[in-house]
Amino acid sequence: MRFSICNLGCKVNAYEAECVASSLMEKGWERVGFEQMADAALIFTCAVTNTAAAKSRKMLHRIRRQFPSCITAVVGCYAQINDGLLEDADIILGSREKSSLVEVLEQFLRDHQPVRMVDELAGMPFEPMLASSFDTHSRAYLKIQDGCNQFCSYCIIPYARGRERSMEPDTVIAQMKKISSSYQETVLTGIHTGRYGREYGISLAQLMERILRETSIGRLRISSIEITELDDDLISLMEQYPDRIARHLHIPLQSGCDEILKAMHRPYTTQQYYDRIEEIRNRLGQVSISCDLMTGFPNESEEYHQQAMAFVRKCGFAFLHVFPFSEREGTPAASMPNPVAVNVRKQRAKQAIALSQQLSEIYQKGRIGQKDIIVAETYKDGYTTGYTSDYIQVHVKGKLPQGKMIPVILESYEDGKMYAKEREVYETE
């Protein structure tokens, strides 16, 4: 039996997809590309934007059209809140009990009856989905947290994934021990990773300290963390373990204008955000900071947009994740007055992306001549690619062992790419 997977969402979605893929392969299924004929096509849906939702529907209809006999399953956020728009699917599985997808698929193969499992999320426990391997082959991922209690005015995720919940600490440690035997870098991920462990009386920093003390993992990376959750304990831990905790922090900003931040229900001001990242830089030295930025939120005037651009420049981010505002039905922002025209949202997003490219070039050129360690990933056209601790993709001449940590010297930045040389090679020349 053959299966394909299409992931349309975030790193958490990607992790869950890999967990399901791992379980199917353990049962003897063969994984193929999404454009290939398969016995089952699994679509992990996203509801963050209208575009993501439309892609979920598009992918379902494409599979139905191209491979009519293929079993189709739609899973996750968009399936949870809009299952009625996905009725063509054989299997609809919301945000609850995703780990049962393999069993649900096997059930469909036996009785060929449509499955609809979109249950209420209230009181939902953490679902410890675990993977034995990952599609990247070079770094592992571990979802340690799910759900969100913040309710930003634009965000559908609390409704699509439910409230905050965390993986039990001992389960995290046990899984990390397994991971560290095969992978040298692991990314800790979640919807609100920085709020890990509150139901267990343990913080993210305390969990990471346990991981570093009790496992042999080479390097830990945090996928994303809110500025309000970067506490002194976590920063101190990063000071203590400069080689084992990645020097990159992705800290969502969303807007560089205080009036818009307030309307978004974000729990900080631009000054609070800036003061904190400056403190982080002062304490950690070399650290890459990136952010999420939304353009065209309701009531965002051209003046407010320019304020945001100026603030982004002031912060000196390494790069930005940019996306135009998208109304999500059921959120307060969807009915706010003074909406920004869609074409204006997109134009402002283009400006922000151009600024991101400028900032990325400045940051990367500033790293030339410095030492770092990459995790070797893919080999193509005579070069191995990998990511530094501060999340710069580098190209090293020659074929290096995939998944291994390689000391390098950052040598040059050409045509938007950073080139490096193995440190031992560089030092003997």
Protein backbone atom coordinates (compact mmCIF):
# COMPACT_ATOMS: atom_id res chain seq x y z
CA MET A 1 0.00 0.00 0.00
CA ARG A 2 1.21 3.49 -0.88
CA PHE A 3 0.43 6.81 0.77
CA SER A 4 1.21 10.48 0.16
CA ILE A 5 1.14 13.47 2.51
CA CYS A 6 0.59 17.15 1.87
CA ASN A 7 1.30 19.50 4.78
CA LEU A 8 -0.17 22.99 4.40
CA GLY A 9 0.54 24.35 7.84
CA CYS A 10 3.13 25.25 10.41
CA LYS A 11 6.00 23.26 11.90
CA VAL A 12 3.58 21.69 14.38
CA ASN A 13 1.46 20.47 11.48
CA ALA A 14 4.58 19.18 9.75
CA TYR A 15 5.60 17.30 12.88
CA GLU A 16 2.19 15.67 13.21
CA ALA A 17 2.28 14.67 9.55
CA GLU A 18 5.70 13.05 10.04
CA CYS A 19 4.40 11.14 13.07
CA VAL A 20 1.57 9.68 11.01
CA ALA A 21 3.96 8.92 8.14
CA SER A 22 6.32 7.16 10.52
CA SER A 23 3.47 5.01 11.90
CA LEU A 24 2.30 4.03 8.43
CA MET A 25 5.79 3.09 7.27
CA GLU A 26 6.25 0.94 10.38
CA LYS A 27 3.14 -0.94 9.22
CA GLY A 28 4.67 -1.53 5.80
CA TRP A 29 3.16 1.33 3.81
CA GLU A 30 5.32 3.01 1.16
CA ARG A 31 5.54 6.81 1.07
CA VAL A 32 5.39 8.50 -2.34
CA GLY A 33 5.25 12.09 -3.54
CA PHE A 34 1.93 13.91 -3.36
CA GLU A 35 1.69 14.16 -7.13
CA GLN A 36 2.03 10.37 -7.49
CA MET A 37 -0.68 7.75 -7.49
CA ALA A 38 -1.24 6.41 -3.99
CA ASP A 39 -3.80 4.27 -2.19
CA ALA A 40 -4.33 7.06 0.35
CA ALA A 41 -3.64 10.81 0.27
CA LEU A 42 -3.43 12.61 3.61
CA ILE A 43 -3.85 16.40 3.69
CA PHE A 44 -2.85 18.17 6.90
CA THR A 45 -4.86 21.36 6.65
CA CYS A 46 -4.24 24.89 7.89
CA ALA A 47 -6.75 27.58 8.90
CA VAL A 48 -4.47 30.52 9.72
CA THR A 49 -5.30 32.44 6.53
CA ASN A 50 -7.94 32.33 3.82
CA THR A 51 -5.18 31.35 1.39
CA ALA A 52 -4.21 28.35 3.51
CA ALA A 53 -7.86 27.28 3.76
CA ALA A 54 -8.31 27.61 0.00
CA LYS A 55 -5.20 25.48 -0.57
CA SER A 56 -6.69 22.76 1.63
CA ARG A 57 -9.80 22.63 -0.54
CA LYS A 58 -7.73 22.85 -3.73
CA MET A 59 -5.51 19.92 -2.77
CA LEU A 60 -8.52 17.77 -1.89
CA HIS A 61 -10.22 18.52 -5.20
CA ARG A 62 -6.98 17.93 -7.14
CA ILE A 63 -6.56 14.44 -5.70
CA ARG A 64 -10.23 13.66 -6.30
CA ARG A 65 -9.86 14.74 -9.93
CA GLN A 66 -6.49 13.13 -10.71
CA PHE A 67 -6.83 9.90 -8.70
CA PRO A 68 -10.56 9.12 -8.22
CA SER A 69 -9.89 5.77 -6.54
CA CYS A 70 -7.49 7.22 -3.96
CA ILE A 71 -8.67 7.38 -0.33
CA THR A 72 -8.63 11.02 0.81
CA ALA A 73 -8.20 12.17 4.39
CA VAL A 74 -8.25 15.81 5.56
CA VAL A 75 -6.81 16.41 9.00
CA GLY A 76 -6.26 19.23 11.45
CA CYS A 77 -7.18 22.88 11.87
CA TYR A 78 -9.25 23.63 8.79
CA ALA A 79 -10.98 20.27 9.06
CA GLN A 80 -11.85 21.15 12.67
CA ILE A 81 -13.58 24.46 11.94
CA ASN A 82 -14.84 23.98 8.36
CA ASP A 83 -15.52 20.29 7.90
CA GLY A 84 -18.66 21.05 5.91
CA LEU A 85 -16.54 22.51 3.10
CA LEU A 86 -14.53 19.31 2.83
CA GLU A 87 -17.33 16.81 2.41
CA ASP A 88 -15.70 15.26 -0.66
CA ALA A 89 -13.12 13.66 1.62
CA ASP A 90 -13.45 10.04 2.68
CA ILE A 91 -12.03 10.84 6.11
CA ILE A 92 -12.40 14.11 8.03
CA LEU A 93 -10.40 14.21 11.26
CA GLY A 94 -10.23 17.43 13.25
CA SER A 95 -7.72 18.46 15.89
CA ARG A 96 -8.65 15.77 18.38
CA GLU A 97 -7.17 12.25 18.21
CA LYS A 98 -4.94 12.81 15.20
CA SER A 99 -2.84 9.92 16.45
CA SER A 100 -5.76 7.62 15.57
CA LEU A 101 -5.49 8.43 11.85
CA VAL A 102 -3.69 5.18 11.02
CA GLU A 103 -6.40 3.13 12.75
CA VAL A 104 -9.12 5.22 11.10
CA LEU A 105 -7.52 4.60 7.70
CA GLU A 106 -7.38 0.87 8.35
CA GLN A 107 -11.05 0.96 9.37
CA PHE A 108 -11.98 2.67 6.10
CA LEU A 109 -10.11 0.01 4.14
CA ARG A 110 -12.24 -2.64 5.87
CA ASP A 111 -15.72 -1.13 5.61
CA HIS A 112 -15.40 1.75 3.06
CA GLN A 113 -17.64 3.96 5.20
CA PRO A 114 -16.93 7.73 5.38
CA VAL A 115 -15.43 8.81 8.68
CA ARG A 116 -16.31 12.12 10.35
CA MET A 117 -14.43 12.82 13.60
CA VAL A 118 -14.67 16.51 14.44
CA ASP A 119 -15.17 16.58 18.19
CA GLU A 120 -15.36 19.34 20.77
CA LEU A 121 -11.94 20.45 22.01
CA ALA A 122 -12.93 21.40 25.58
CA GLY A 123 -10.88 19.44 28.11
CA MET A 124 -8.73 17.93 25.41
CA PRO A 125 -5.55 16.36 26.83
CA PHE A 126 -2.15 16.58 25.18
CA GLU A 127 -1.83 13.95 22.46
CA PRO A 128 1.75 12.59 22.55
CA MET A 129 2.35 11.91 18.86
CA LEU A 130 5.84 10.47 18.42
CA ALA A 131 7.89 9.86 15.29
CA SER A 132 10.72 7.36 14.81
CA SER A 133 12.16 9.20 11.79
CA PHE A 134 11.83 12.51 9.96
CA ASP A 135 11.66 13.48 6.33
CA THR A 136 14.56 15.93 6.71
CA HIS A 137 16.93 13.14 7.86
CA SER A 138 19.18 15.80 9.38
CA ARG A 139 17.33 17.17 12.40
CA ALA A 140 14.51 15.91 14.55
CA TYR A 141 11.40 17.68 15.76
CA LEU A 142 9.45 17.16 18.95
CA LYS A 143 6.06 18.73 19.64
CA ILE A 144 6.04 19.42 23.38
CA GLN A 145 3.05 21.79 23.57
CA ASP A 146 -0.25 22.39 21.80
CA GLY A 147 -3.11 24.89 21.90
CA CYS A 148 -3.28 28.54 22.88
CA ASN A 149 -5.04 30.67 25.51
CA GLN A 150 -3.95 34.08 24.22
CA PHE A 151 -6.83 34.84 21.80
CA CYS A 152 -5.22 37.50 19.65
CA SER A 153 -8.03 39.31 17.86
CA TYR A 154 -7.07 38.00 14.38
CA CYS A 155 -6.26 34.40 15.25
CA ILE A 156 -8.41 31.31 14.71
CA ILE A 157 -5.93 28.86 16.30
CA PRO A 158 -7.45 28.74 19.83
CA TYR A 159 -10.71 27.67 18.19
CA ALA A 160 -9.03 25.20 15.83
CA ARG A 161 -6.58 23.59 18.28
CA GLY A 162 -8.09 24.20 21.70
CA ARG A 163 -6.52 25.36 24.93
CA GLU A 164 -2.93 25.08 26.10
CA ARG A 165 -1.62 21.66 27.08
CA SER A 166 1.82 20.07 27.29
CA MET A 167 3.60 16.75 26.95
CA GLU A 168 4.40 15.18 30.31
CA PRO A 169 8.04 16.02 31.20
CA ASP A 170 9.23 12.42 31.65
CA THR A 171 7.74 11.55 28.25
CA VAL A 172 9.74 14.41 26.72
CA ILE A 173 12.95 13.10 28.27
CA ALA A 174 12.27 9.52 27.15
CA GLN A 175 11.60 10.64 23.58
CA MET A 176 14.66 12.90 23.53
CA LYS A 177 16.84 9.97 24.60
CA LYS A 178 15.57 8.04 21.58
CA ILE A 179 16.02 11.00 19.26
CA SER A 180 19.57 11.76 20.41
CA SER A 181 20.73 8.30 19.37
CA SER A 182 19.98 9.17 15.72
CA TYR A 183 19.94 12.98 15.46
CA GLN A 184 22.37 15.63 16.65
CA GLU A 185 19.88 18.52 16.56
CA THR A 186 16.27 18.65 17.74
CA VAL A 187 13.74 21.45 17.33
CA LEU A 188 11.28 21.87 20.22
CA THR A 189 8.00 23.01 18.77
CA GLY A 190 4.47 23.88 19.79
CA ILE A 191 1.69 26.38 19.18
CA HIS A 192 2.78 28.38 22.24
CA THR A 193 6.07 26.69 23.10
CA GLY A 194 7.09 29.25 25.70
CA ARG A 195 4.09 28.36 27.86
CA TYR A 196 5.17 24.73 28.14
CA GLY A 197 4.53 22.81 31.33
CA ARG A 198 2.29 25.09 33.37
CA GLU A 199 0.00 22.22 34.30
CA TYR A 200 3.03 20.30 35.61
CA GLY A 201 4.62 23.20 37.49
CA ILE A 202 7.65 23.23 35.18
CA SER A 203 8.87 25.92 32.78
CA LEU A 204 10.36 25.58 29.32
CA ALA A 205 13.77 26.54 30.73
CA GLN A 206 13.53 23.83 33.38
CA LEU A 207 12.54 21.26 30.78
CA MET A 208 15.43 22.23 28.51
CA GLU A 209 17.87 22.02 31.40
CA ARG A 210 16.66 18.47 32.06
CA ILE A 211 17.09 17.57 28.39
CA LEU A 212 20.63 18.94 28.31
CA ARG A 213 21.53 17.22 31.57
CA GLU A 214 19.89 13.84 30.95
CA THR A 215 20.39 13.30 27.20
CA SER A 216 23.28 13.49 24.75
CA ILE A 217 21.55 15.75 22.20
CA GLY A 218 24.09 17.95 20.45
CA ARG A 219 21.95 21.04 19.93
CA LEU A 220 18.46 22.18 20.92
CA ARG A 221 16.49 24.70 18.90
CA ILE A 222 13.29 26.53 19.86
CA SER A 223 10.96 26.88 16.87
CA SER A 224 9.22 30.08 18.06
CA ILE A 225 8.68 31.88 21.35
CA GLU A 226 6.74 34.96 22.45
CA ILE A 227 8.65 37.96 23.82
CA THR A 228 6.67 37.76 27.08
CA GLU A 229 7.86 34.18 27.62
CA LEU A 230 11.58 34.78 27.16
CA ASP A 231 12.22 34.86 30.88
CA ASP A 232 15.53 35.37 32.67
CA ASP A 233 15.85 31.64 33.39
CA LEU A 234 15.76 30.80 29.69
CA ILE A 235 18.26 33.50 28.77
CA SER A 236 20.55 32.34 31.59
CA LEU A 237 20.32 28.79 30.28
CA MET A 238 21.34 29.98 26.81
CA GLU A 239 24.30 31.75 28.42
CA GLN A 240 25.24 28.54 30.21
CA TYR A 241 25.01 26.32 27.10
CA PRO A 242 26.24 28.43 24.15
CA ASP A 243 27.07 25.37 22.05
CA ARG A 244 24.02 23.23 22.85
CA ILE A 245 21.21 25.78 22.51
CA ALA A 246 20.88 27.33 19.06
CA ARG A 247 21.68 31.06 18.82
CA HIS A 248 18.48 31.84 16.98
CA LEU A 249 15.22 33.09 18.47
CA HIS A 250 12.11 33.53 16.35
CA ILE A 251 10.02 36.03 18.31
CA PRO A 252 6.64 37.00 16.77
CA LEU A 253 6.14 40.77 16.53
CA GLN A 254 3.06 41.07 14.24
CA SER A 255 3.17 44.88 14.13
CA GLY A 256 5.67 47.63 14.86
CA CYS A 257 2.91 50.10 15.72
CA ASP A 258 1.53 50.31 19.26
CA GLU A 259 -2.00 51.23 18.17
CA ILE A 260 -2.18 48.15 15.97
CA LEU A 261 -0.62 45.89 18.62
CA LYS A 262 -3.34 47.00 21.04
CA ALA A 263 -6.07 46.24 18.50
CA MET A 264 -4.48 42.83 17.90
CA HIS A 265 -4.65 42.09 21.66
CA ARG A 266 -0.89 41.51 21.73
CA PRO A 267 0.42 41.64 25.34
CA TYR A 268 3.32 44.07 24.86
CA THR A 269 4.30 47.44 23.42
CA THR A 270 6.99 48.13 20.86
CA GLN A 271 9.19 49.59 23.59
CA GLN A 272 8.82 46.49 25.75
CA TYR A 273 9.64 44.29 22.77
CA TYR A 274 12.69 46.34 21.80
CA ASP A 275 14.06 46.57 25.34
CA ARG A 276 13.85 42.80 25.71
CA ILE A 277 15.60 41.91 22.47
CA GLU A 278 18.36 44.41 23.28
CA GLU A 279 18.81 42.78 26.68
CA ILE A 280 19.00 39.38 24.98
CA ARG A 281 21.68 40.64 22.58
CA ASN A 282 23.66 42.24 25.39
CA ARG A 283 23.64 39.02 27.39
CA LEU A 284 24.11 36.47 24.60
CA GLY A 285 26.33 38.33 22.16
CA GLN A 286 26.02 36.58 18.81
CA VAL A 287 22.33 35.76 18.39
CA SER A 288 19.98 35.88 15.43
CA ILE A 289 16.50 37.29 16.05
CA SER A 290 13.70 36.95 13.50
CA CYS A 291 10.00 37.70 13.69
CA ASP A 292 6.52 37.35 12.19
CA LEU A 293 5.04 40.53 10.71
CA MET A 294 1.45 41.13 9.56
CA THR A 295 0.55 43.87 7.10
CA GLY A 296 -2.80 45.53 6.47
CA PHE A 297 -4.51 44.89 9.79
CA PRO A 298 -7.79 46.88 10.13
CA ASN A 299 -7.16 50.59 10.74
CA GLU A 300 -3.52 50.31 9.65
CA SER A 301 -2.98 53.65 7.93
CA GLU A 302 0.00 54.37 5.72
CA GLU A 303 1.48 56.24 8.69
CA TYR A 304 1.08 53.20 10.94
CA HIS A 305 2.61 50.98 8.26
CA GLN A 306 5.64 53.25 7.96
CA GLN A 307 5.97 53.26 11.77
CA ALA A 308 6.09 49.47 11.63
CA MET A 309 8.74 49.48 8.89
CA ALA A 310 10.87 51.93 10.86
CA PHE A 311 10.57 49.79 13.98
CA VAL A 312 11.60 46.67 12.08
CA ARG A 313 14.70 48.47 10.81
CA LYS A 314 15.47 49.65 14.34
CA CYS A 315 15.26 46.08 15.67
CA GLY A 316 17.72 44.83 13.06
CA PHE A 317 16.09 41.45 12.55
CA ALA A 318 17.95 38.70 10.72
CA PHE A 319 14.84 38.04 8.62
CA LEU A 320 11.05 38.35 8.70
CA HIS A 321 8.13 36.00 8.08
CA VAL A 322 5.64 38.32 6.37
CA PHE A 323 1.98 37.76 5.63
CA PRO A 324 -0.94 40.09 4.82
CA PHE A 325 -3.89 40.20 7.21
CA SER A 326 -6.58 37.62 6.45
CA GLU A 327 -10.08 37.82 7.96
CA ARG A 328 -10.95 34.62 9.80
CA GLU A 329 -14.67 34.18 10.49
CA GLY A 330 -15.38 34.07 14.22
CA THR A 331 -12.47 36.28 15.27
CA PRO A 332 -12.97 39.88 16.51
CA ALA A 333 -10.69 41.31 13.80
CA ALA A 334 -12.93 39.96 11.04
CA SER A 335 -15.59 42.55 11.88
CA MET A 336 -13.39 45.49 12.86
CA PRO A 337 -14.05 48.84 11.13
CA ASN A 338 -11.72 50.51 8.64
CA PRO A 339 -10.50 47.40 6.81
CA VAL A 340 -7.47 47.84 4.56
CA ALA A 341 -7.98 47.00 0.90
CA VAL A 342 -6.63 43.59 -0.04
CA ASN A 343 -4.34 45.01 -2.74
CA VAL A 344 -2.88 47.44 -0.18
CA ARG A 345 -2.26 44.61 2.29
CA LYS A 346 -0.38 42.69 -0.40
CA GLN A 347 1.62 45.73 -1.52
CA ARG A 348 2.70 46.41 2.06
CA ALA A 349 3.65 42.76 2.42
CA LYS A 350 5.88 43.09 -0.67
CA GLN A 351 7.58 46.10 0.92
CA ALA A 352 8.15 44.16 4.13
CA ILE A 353 9.55 41.17 2.24
CA ALA A 354 11.97 43.48 0.41
CA LEU A 355 13.05 44.90 3.76
CA SER A 356 13.51 41.37 5.09
CA GLN A 357 15.85 40.59 2.21
CA GLN A 358 17.89 43.72 2.95
CA LEU A 359 18.13 42.90 6.65
CA SER A 360 19.07 39.29 5.92
CA GLU A 361 21.91 40.38 3.66
CA ILE A 362 23.21 42.83 6.27
CA TYR A 363 23.06 40.21 9.00
CA GLN A 364 24.73 37.47 6.98
CA LYS A 365 27.52 39.69 5.67
CA GLY A 366 28.24 40.65 9.27
CA ARG A 367 28.96 36.99 10.03
CA ILE A 368 31.69 36.56 7.38
CA GLY A 369 34.94 35.37 8.91
CA GLN A 370 33.27 33.89 12.00
CA LYS A 371 33.20 30.31 13.22
CA ASP A 372 30.08 28.18 13.60
CA ILE A 373 28.80 24.62 13.47
CA ILE A 374 26.34 23.39 10.86
CA VAL A 375 24.22 20.28 10.69
CA ALA A 376 24.90 18.84 7.24
CA GLU A 377 21.74 18.35 5.19
CA THR A 378 21.46 17.99 1.42
CA TYR A 379 24.15 17.53 -1.22
CA LYS A 380 23.68 19.04 -4.68
CA ASP A 381 25.90 20.37 -7.44
CA GLY A 382 29.09 19.77 -5.49
CA TYR A 383 27.94 21.52 -2.29
CA THR A 384 26.52 20.38 1.03
CA THR A 385 23.98 22.72 2.64
CA GLY A 386 23.34 23.07 6.34
CA TYR A 387 22.25 25.57 8.96
CA THR A 388 24.41 27.36 11.48
CA SER A 389 23.43 27.75 15.11
CA ASP A 390 21.89 31.14 14.27
CA TYR A 391 19.96 29.64 11.33
CA ILE A 392 21.96 30.79 8.32
CA GLN A 393 21.87 28.35 5.45
CA VAL A 394 25.43 27.80 4.26
CA HIS A 395 26.98 25.98 1.31
CA VAL A 396 30.15 23.96 1.85
CA LYS A 397 32.07 22.48 -1.08
CA GLY A 398 32.16 18.70 -1.05
CA LYS A 399 29.89 15.95 0.21
CA LEU A 400 29.64 15.93 4.01
CA PRO A 401 28.00 13.23 6.16
CA GLN A 402 24.29 13.99 6.41
CA GLY A 403 23.02 14.82 9.88
CA LYS A 404 26.48 15.35 11.36
CA MET A 405 27.64 18.54 13.07
CA ILE A 406 30.47 20.11 11.07
CA PRO A 407 32.65 23.03 12.33
CA VAL A 408 32.94 25.70 9.61
CA ILE A 409 34.30 29.16 8.84
CA LEU A 410 31.85 31.51 7.11
CA GLU A 411 33.79 32.76 4.09
CA SER A 412 31.67 34.75 1.65
CA TYR A 413 28.18 35.94 0.72
CA GLU A 414 27.45 35.81 -3.01
CA ASP A 415 24.16 36.09 -4.93
CA GLY A 416 22.10 35.73 -1.79
CA LYS A 417 23.98 32.66 -0.55
CA MET A 418 26.44 32.17 2.30
CA TYR A 419 29.48 29.99 1.58
CA ALA A 420 31.63 28.33 4.20
CA LYS A 421 34.61 26.00 4.48
CA GLU A 422 35.17 23.15 6.89
CA ARG A 423 37.15 24.58 9.76
CA GLU A 424 39.83 21.90 9.75
CA VAL A 425 40.34 22.39 6.01
CA TYR A 426 40.47 26.16 6.39
CA GLU A 427 43.00 26.01 9.22
CA THR A 428 45.40 23.70 7.35
CA GLU A 429 45.48 25.80 4.18
